[in-house]
Amino acid sequence: MMHALPPTDPTVVLIPKAAVTSMRGHRTRVWQLEAADRAMQPIDRALLEIDPKGVDRAPLAAALAAERGRWIEGRNSRTRYGHNAVRVLDDGVLEITWRSPTSAIVPGLDESLRRLGTTYRVAAPAETKPPRPSGALGPGYEAQLREHIERGERLAAVGLARRLYGLDTTAAVAKVDELSGRAPKRAAAT
């Protein structure tokens, strides 16, 4: 499933045609905090979901897990964001990334589903596109902010407080001081 692996690699899995009960397209959007510009950027993906009922998915999940941990030509197969193009979801559905910011399969998802629809049952498409987060990034980031403070990583805490609460640097320093129980510094009298 990784194009960089040799063609003799046994990671190809055959799913019998009769086992595929349905498939559908799924368009998703997640918001990723980019380190370079410190802004929330959308990451859109088009996914093909295949539901192979009656097929033991354990060998496929094991093959995918082994593939993700392999080194390929001096580089690890893991991606920058921890995203893998093929995975087995908790409910057993096989998910294939058809289009992402870094790759695309031709023909596109809609055309592929149209062609596959002559042979397979194609379910109604799904879409998961949450709106862009506003000033607050969410509770996970607040926990991360507290961890930075507890570890004494003041600079990282201030940077995260700026993004989390939409503050300027001075206000973010004051917020970190408040959360850490430190007395805020007062401006020197002139």
C-alpha atoms as a PDB file:
ATOM      1  CA  MET A   1       0.000   0.000   0.000  1.00  0.00           C
ATOM      2  CA  MET A   2       3.082   2.161   0.214  1.00  0.00           C
ATOM      3  CA  HIS A   3       4.317   2.903  -3.297  1.00  0.00           C
ATOM      4  CA  ALA A   4       7.933   3.021  -2.061  1.00  0.00           C
ATOM      5  CA  LEU A   5       7.890  -0.657  -1.048  1.00  0.00           C
ATOM      6  CA  PRO A   6       9.204  -3.225  -3.550  1.00  0.00           C
ATOM      7  CA  PRO A   7       6.557  -4.824  -5.804  1.00  0.00           C
ATOM      8  CA  THR A   8       7.319  -8.248  -4.317  1.00  0.00           C
ATOM      9  CA  ASP A   9       6.314  -7.036  -0.850  1.00  0.00           C
ATOM     10  CA  PRO A  10       3.342  -9.040   0.496  1.00  0.00           C
ATOM     11  CA  THR A  11       1.258  -6.054   1.592  1.00  0.00           C
ATOM     12  CA  VAL A  12      -1.331  -6.377  -1.166  1.00  0.00           C
ATOM     13  CA  VAL A  13      -4.584  -7.800   0.164  1.00  0.00           C
ATOM     14  CA  LEU A  14      -7.232  -9.425  -2.000  1.00  0.00           C
ATOM     15  CA  ILE A  15     -10.798  -8.754  -0.909  1.00  0.00           C
ATOM     16  CA  PRO A  16     -13.217 -10.998  -2.805  1.00  0.00           C
ATOM     17  CA  LYS A  17     -15.784  -9.112  -4.867  1.00  0.00           C
ATOM     18  CA  ALA A  18     -18.646 -10.890  -3.107  1.00  0.00           C
ATOM     19  CA  ALA A  19     -17.351  -9.699   0.282  1.00  0.00           C
ATOM     20  CA  VAL A  20     -17.711  -6.000  -0.544  1.00  0.00           C
ATOM     21  CA  THR A  21     -21.191  -5.130   0.695  1.00  0.00           C
ATOM     22  CA  SER A  22     -20.939  -1.400   0.078  1.00  0.00           C
ATOM     23  CA  MET A  23     -18.629   1.525  -0.444  1.00  0.00           C
ATOM     24  CA  ARG A  24     -18.968   5.266  -0.244  1.00  0.00           C
ATOM     25  CA  GLY A  25     -17.095   8.484  -0.658  1.00  0.00           C
ATOM     26  CA  HIS A  26     -16.357  10.562   2.435  1.00  0.00           C
ATOM     27  CA  ARG A  27     -15.015  14.108   2.324  1.00  0.00           C
ATOM     28  CA  THR A  28     -13.382  15.357   5.512  1.00  0.00           C
ATOM     29  CA  ARG A  29     -11.778  18.511   6.803  1.00  0.00           C
ATOM     30  CA  VAL A  30      -9.613  18.788   9.873  1.00  0.00           C
ATOM     31  CA  TRP A  31      -7.932  21.890  11.209  1.00  0.00           C
ATOM     32  CA  GLN A  32      -4.186  21.614  11.735  1.00  0.00           C
ATOM     33  CA  LEU A  33      -2.117  24.082  13.716  1.00  0.00           C
ATOM     34  CA  GLU A  34       0.809  24.893  11.433  1.00  0.00           C
ATOM     35  CA  ALA A  35       4.100  25.579  13.209  1.00  0.00           C
ATOM     36  CA  ALA A  36       5.468  27.770  10.415  1.00  0.00           C
ATOM     37  CA  ASP A  37       2.801  30.473  10.414  1.00  0.00           C
ATOM     38  CA  ARG A  38       1.127  29.543  13.721  1.00  0.00           C
ATOM     39  CA  ALA A  39      -2.287  29.595  12.111  1.00  0.00           C
ATOM     40  CA  MET A  40      -5.019  27.025  11.750  1.00  0.00           C
ATOM     41  CA  GLN A  41      -4.962  25.554   8.245  1.00  0.00           C
ATOM     42  CA  PRO A  42      -7.634  23.284   6.753  1.00  0.00           C
ATOM     43  CA  ILE A  43      -6.622  19.838   5.574  1.00  0.00           C
ATOM     44  CA  ASP A  44      -9.206  18.398   3.193  1.00  0.00           C
ATOM     45  CA  ARG A  45      -9.266  14.735   2.259  1.00  0.00           C
ATOM     46  CA  ALA A  46     -11.429  12.612  -0.019  1.00  0.00           C
ATOM     47  CA  LEU A  47     -11.747   9.058   1.263  1.00  0.00           C
ATOM     48  CA  LEU A  48     -13.074   5.819  -0.165  1.00  0.00           C
ATOM     49  CA  GLU A  49     -14.655   3.621   2.496  1.00  0.00           C
ATOM     50  CA  ILE A  50     -15.100  -0.071   1.693  1.00  0.00           C
ATOM     51  CA  ASP A  51     -17.180  -2.295   3.945  1.00  0.00           C
ATOM     52  CA  PRO A  52     -16.059  -5.917   3.454  1.00  0.00           C
ATOM     53  CA  LYS A  53     -18.552  -7.937   5.528  1.00  0.00           C
ATOM     54  CA  GLY A  54     -17.566 -11.460   6.458  1.00  0.00           C
ATOM     55  CA  VAL A  55     -13.854 -10.892   5.771  1.00  0.00           C
ATOM     56  CA  ASP A  56     -11.360 -11.310   8.612  1.00  0.00           C
ATOM     57  CA  ARG A  57      -9.837  -7.830   8.845  1.00  0.00           C
ATOM     58  CA  ALA A  58      -7.206  -8.802  11.425  1.00  0.00           C
ATOM     59  CA  PRO A  59      -4.556  -9.844   8.830  1.00  0.00           C
ATOM     60  CA  LEU A  60      -5.133  -6.612   6.912  1.00  0.00           C
ATOM     61  CA  ALA A  61      -4.866  -4.494  10.077  1.00  0.00           C
ATOM     62  CA  ALA A  62      -1.689  -6.361  11.075  1.00  0.00           C
ATOM     63  CA  ALA A  63      -0.140  -5.872   7.607  1.00  0.00           C
ATOM     64  CA  LEU A  64      -0.944  -2.159   7.681  1.00  0.00           C
ATOM     65  CA  ALA A  65       0.484  -1.751  11.195  1.00  0.00           C
ATOM     66  CA  ALA A  66       3.701  -3.527  10.167  1.00  0.00           C
ATOM     67  CA  GLU A  67       3.956  -1.396   7.043  1.00  0.00           C
ATOM     68  CA  ARG A  68       3.630   1.856   9.005  1.00  0.00           C
ATOM     69  CA  GLY A  69       6.612   0.916  11.147  1.00  0.00           C
ATOM     70  CA  ARG A  70       8.966  -0.064   8.317  1.00  0.00           C
ATOM     71  CA  TRP A  71      11.948   1.891   7.144  1.00  0.00           C
ATOM     72  CA  ILE A  72      11.927   2.565   3.418  1.00  0.00           C
ATOM     73  CA  GLU A  73      15.099   3.616   1.604  1.00  0.00           C
ATOM     74  CA  GLY A  74      16.546   5.300   4.680  1.00  0.00           C
ATOM     75  CA  ARG A  75      13.338   7.007   5.784  1.00  0.00           C
ATOM     76  CA  ASN A  76      10.575   5.987   8.074  1.00  0.00           C
ATOM     77  CA  SER A  77       7.220   5.376   6.402  1.00  0.00           C
ATOM     78  CA  ARG A  78       5.394   7.479   8.993  1.00  0.00           C
ATOM     79  CA  THR A  79       4.095  10.755   7.663  1.00  0.00           C
ATOM     80  CA  ARG A  80       4.540  14.233   9.097  1.00  0.00           C
ATOM     81  CA  TYR A  81       1.031  14.362  10.544  1.00  0.00           C
ATOM     82  CA  GLY A  82       0.766  10.680  11.438  1.00  0.00           C
ATOM     83  CA  HIS A  83      -1.751  10.120   8.649  1.00  0.00           C
ATOM     84  CA  ASN A  84      -1.711   6.831   6.769  1.00  0.00           C
ATOM     85  CA  ALA A  85      -3.308   6.445   3.349  1.00  0.00           C
ATOM     86  CA  VAL A  86      -4.892   3.062   4.097  1.00  0.00           C
ATOM     87  CA  ARG A  87      -6.275   2.022   7.456  1.00  0.00           C
ATOM     88  CA  VAL A  88      -8.888  -0.188   9.062  1.00  0.00           C
ATOM     89  CA  LEU A  89     -11.334   1.805  11.169  1.00  0.00           C
ATOM     90  CA  ASP A  90     -12.685   0.615  14.518  1.00  0.00           C
ATOM     91  CA  ASP A  91     -15.907  -0.586  12.882  1.00  0.00           C
ATOM     92  CA  GLY A  92     -13.920  -2.702  10.393  1.00  0.00           C
ATOM     93  CA  VAL A  93     -14.372  -0.417   7.397  1.00  0.00           C
ATOM     94  CA  LEU A  94     -11.343  -0.128   5.116  1.00  0.00           C
ATOM     95  CA  GLU A  95     -10.551   3.554   4.516  1.00  0.00           C
ATOM     96  CA  ILE A  96      -8.400   4.628   1.559  1.00  0.00           C
ATOM     97  CA  THR A  97      -7.291   8.240   1.192  1.00  0.00           C
ATOM     98  CA  TRP A  98      -8.172   9.151  -2.396  1.00  0.00           C
ATOM     99  CA  ARG A  99      -7.080  12.796  -2.266  1.00  0.00           C
ATOM    100  CA  SER A 100      -5.113  14.720   0.327  1.00  0.00           C
ATOM    101  CA  PRO A 101      -2.914  17.827   0.331  1.00  0.00           C
ATOM    102  CA  THR A 102       0.088  15.716  -0.718  1.00  0.00           C
ATOM    103  CA  SER A 103      -1.349  13.050  -3.007  1.00  0.00           C
ATOM    104  CA  ALA A 104      -4.226  12.128  -5.287  1.00  0.00           C
ATOM    105  CA  ILE A 105      -5.420   9.046  -7.127  1.00  0.00           C
ATOM    106  CA  VAL A 106      -6.621   9.400 -10.721  1.00  0.00           C
ATOM    107  CA  PRO A 107      -9.456   9.250 -11.692  1.00  0.00           C
ATOM    108  CA  GLY A 108     -11.015  11.317  -8.934  1.00  0.00           C
ATOM    109  CA  LEU A 109     -13.233   9.894  -6.213  1.00  0.00           C
ATOM    110  CA  ASP A 110     -16.543  10.879  -7.825  1.00  0.00           C
ATOM    111  CA  GLU A 111     -15.642   9.331 -11.184  1.00  0.00           C
ATOM    112  CA  SER A 112     -14.278   6.206  -9.493  1.00  0.00           C
ATOM    113  CA  LEU A 113     -17.474   5.773  -7.477  1.00  0.00           C
ATOM    114  CA  ARG A 114     -19.540   6.232 -10.638  1.00  0.00           C
ATOM    115  CA  ARG A 115     -17.563   3.452 -12.339  1.00  0.00           C
ATOM    116  CA  LEU A 116     -17.580   1.190  -9.264  1.00  0.00           C
ATOM    117  CA  GLY A 117     -21.334   1.752  -8.938  1.00  0.00           C
ATOM    118  CA  THR A 118     -21.933  -0.445 -11.970  1.00  0.00           C
ATOM    119  CA  THR A 119     -20.584  -3.424  -9.994  1.00  0.00           C
ATOM    120  CA  TYR A 120     -20.881  -2.559  -6.309  1.00  0.00           C
ATOM    121  CA  ARG A 121     -23.500  -0.942  -4.093  1.00  0.00           C
ATOM    122  CA  VAL A 122     -22.372   2.648  -3.538  1.00  0.00           C
ATOM    123  CA  ALA A 123     -23.884   4.289  -0.461  1.00  0.00           C
ATOM    124  CA  ALA A 124     -24.714   7.971  -0.204  1.00  0.00           C
ATOM    125  CA  PRO A 125     -21.599  10.098   0.278  1.00  0.00           C
ATOM    126  CA  ALA A 126     -20.721  11.532   3.673  1.00  0.00           C
ATOM    127  CA  GLU A 127     -19.151  14.851   4.550  1.00  0.00           C
ATOM    128  CA  THR A 128     -17.428  15.884   7.769  1.00  0.00           C
ATOM    129  CA  LYS A 129     -16.304  19.505   7.603  1.00  0.00           C
ATOM    130  CA  PRO A 130     -16.328  21.255  10.967  1.00  0.00           C
ATOM    131  CA  PRO A 131     -16.075  25.044  10.875  1.00  0.00           C
ATOM    132  CA  ARG A 132     -12.765  26.776  11.473  1.00  0.00           C
ATOM    133  CA  PRO A 133     -12.089  26.970  15.202  1.00  0.00           C
ATOM    134  CA  SER A 134     -12.512  30.440  16.630  1.00  0.00           C
ATOM    135  CA  GLY A 135     -10.070  31.963  19.122  1.00  0.00           C
ATOM    136  CA  ALA A 136     -10.154  28.970  21.450  1.00  0.00           C
ATOM    137  CA  LEU A 137      -8.408  25.836  20.217  1.00  0.00           C
ATOM    138  CA  GLY A 138     -10.157  23.548  22.675  1.00  0.00           C
ATOM    139  CA  PRO A 139      -9.637  21.653  25.912  1.00  0.00           C
ATOM    140  CA  GLY A 140      -6.812  19.487  24.568  1.00  0.00           C
ATOM    141  CA  TYR A 141      -4.695  22.569  24.040  1.00  0.00           C
ATOM    142  CA  GLU A 142      -5.504  23.897  27.517  1.00  0.00           C
ATOM    143  CA  ALA A 143      -4.192  20.641  28.986  1.00  0.00           C
ATOM    144  CA  GLN A 144      -1.091  20.989  26.808  1.00  0.00           C
ATOM    145  CA  LEU A 145      -0.655  24.567  28.058  1.00  0.00           C
ATOM    146  CA  ARG A 146      -0.796  23.368  31.672  1.00  0.00           C
ATOM    147  CA  GLU A 147       1.764  20.649  30.890  1.00  0.00           C
ATOM    148  CA  HIS A 148       4.167  23.250  29.463  1.00  0.00           C
ATOM    149  CA  ILE A 149       3.736  25.342  32.630  1.00  0.00           C
ATOM    150  CA  GLU A 150       4.258  22.350  34.934  1.00  0.00           C
ATOM    151  CA  ARG A 151       7.443  21.343  33.088  1.00  0.00           C
ATOM    152  CA  GLY A 152       8.777  24.896  33.266  1.00  0.00           C
ATOM    153  CA  GLU A 153       8.619  25.388  29.492  1.00  0.00           C
ATOM    154  CA  ARG A 154       7.674  29.044  29.758  1.00  0.00           C
ATOM    155  CA  LEU A 155       8.407  30.059  26.170  1.00  0.00           C
ATOM    156  CA  ALA A 156       6.333  27.189  24.739  1.00  0.00           C
ATOM    157  CA  ALA A 157       3.536  28.016  27.190  1.00  0.00           C
ATOM    158  CA  VAL A 158       3.488  31.684  26.168  1.00  0.00           C
ATOM    159  CA  GLY A 159       3.410  30.767  22.454  1.00  0.00           C
ATOM    160  CA  LEU A 160       0.532  28.353  22.975  1.00  0.00           C
ATOM    161  CA  ALA A 161      -1.353  30.847  25.181  1.00  0.00           C
ATOM    162  CA  ARG A 162      -1.105  33.423  22.375  1.00  0.00           C
ATOM    163  CA  ARG A 163      -2.738  31.013  19.891  1.00  0.00           C
ATOM    164  CA  LEU A 164      -5.177  29.509  22.366  1.00  0.00           C
ATOM    165  CA  TYR A 165      -6.626  32.767  23.649  1.00  0.00           C
ATOM    166  CA  GLY A 166      -5.760  35.119  20.754  1.00  0.00           C
ATOM    167  CA  LEU A 167      -3.533  37.276  22.981  1.00  0.00           C
ATOM    168  CA  ASP A 168      -0.557  39.477  22.265  1.00  0.00           C
ATOM    169  CA  THR A 169       2.762  38.487  23.849  1.00  0.00           C
ATOM    170  CA  THR A 170       2.417  40.682  26.950  1.00  0.00           C
ATOM    171  CA  ALA A 171      -1.075  39.412  27.693  1.00  0.00           C
ATOM    172  CA  ALA A 172       0.013  35.806  27.043  1.00  0.00           C
ATOM    173  CA  VAL A 173       2.884  36.176  29.527  1.00  0.00           C
ATOM    174  CA  ALA A 174       0.410  37.529  32.100  1.00  0.00           C
ATOM    175  CA  LYS A 175      -1.950  34.579  31.419  1.00  0.00           C
ATOM    176  CA  VAL A 176       0.888  32.055  31.859  1.00  0.00           C
ATOM    177  CA  ASP A 177       1.915  33.814  35.093  1.00  0.00           C
ATOM    178  CA  GLU A 178      -1.686  33.671  36.292  1.00  0.00           C
ATOM    179  CA  LEU A 179      -2.015  29.953  35.500  1.00  0.00           C
ATOM    180  CA  SER A 180       1.325  29.142  37.114  1.00  0.00           C
ATOM    181  CA  GLY A 181       0.519  31.098  40.273  1.00  0.00           C
ATOM    182  CA  ARG A 182       3.339  33.565  39.737  1.00  0.00           C
ATOM    183  CA  ALA A 183       2.864  37.218  40.526  1.00  0.00           C
ATOM    184  CA  PRO A 184       2.781  39.222  37.294  1.00  0.00           C
ATOM    185  CA  LYS A 185       5.713  41.568  36.731  1.00  0.00           C
ATOM    186  CA  ARG A 186       4.902  45.235  37.072  1.00  0.00           C
ATOM    187  CA  ALA A 187       6.249  47.839  34.723  1.00  0.00           C
ATOM    188  CA  ALA A 188       9.150  49.825  36.186  1.00  0.00           C
ATOM    189  CA  ALA A 189       8.284  53.302  37.346  1.00  0.00           C
ATOM    190  CA  THR A 190       9.957  56.132  35.468  1.00  0.00           C
END
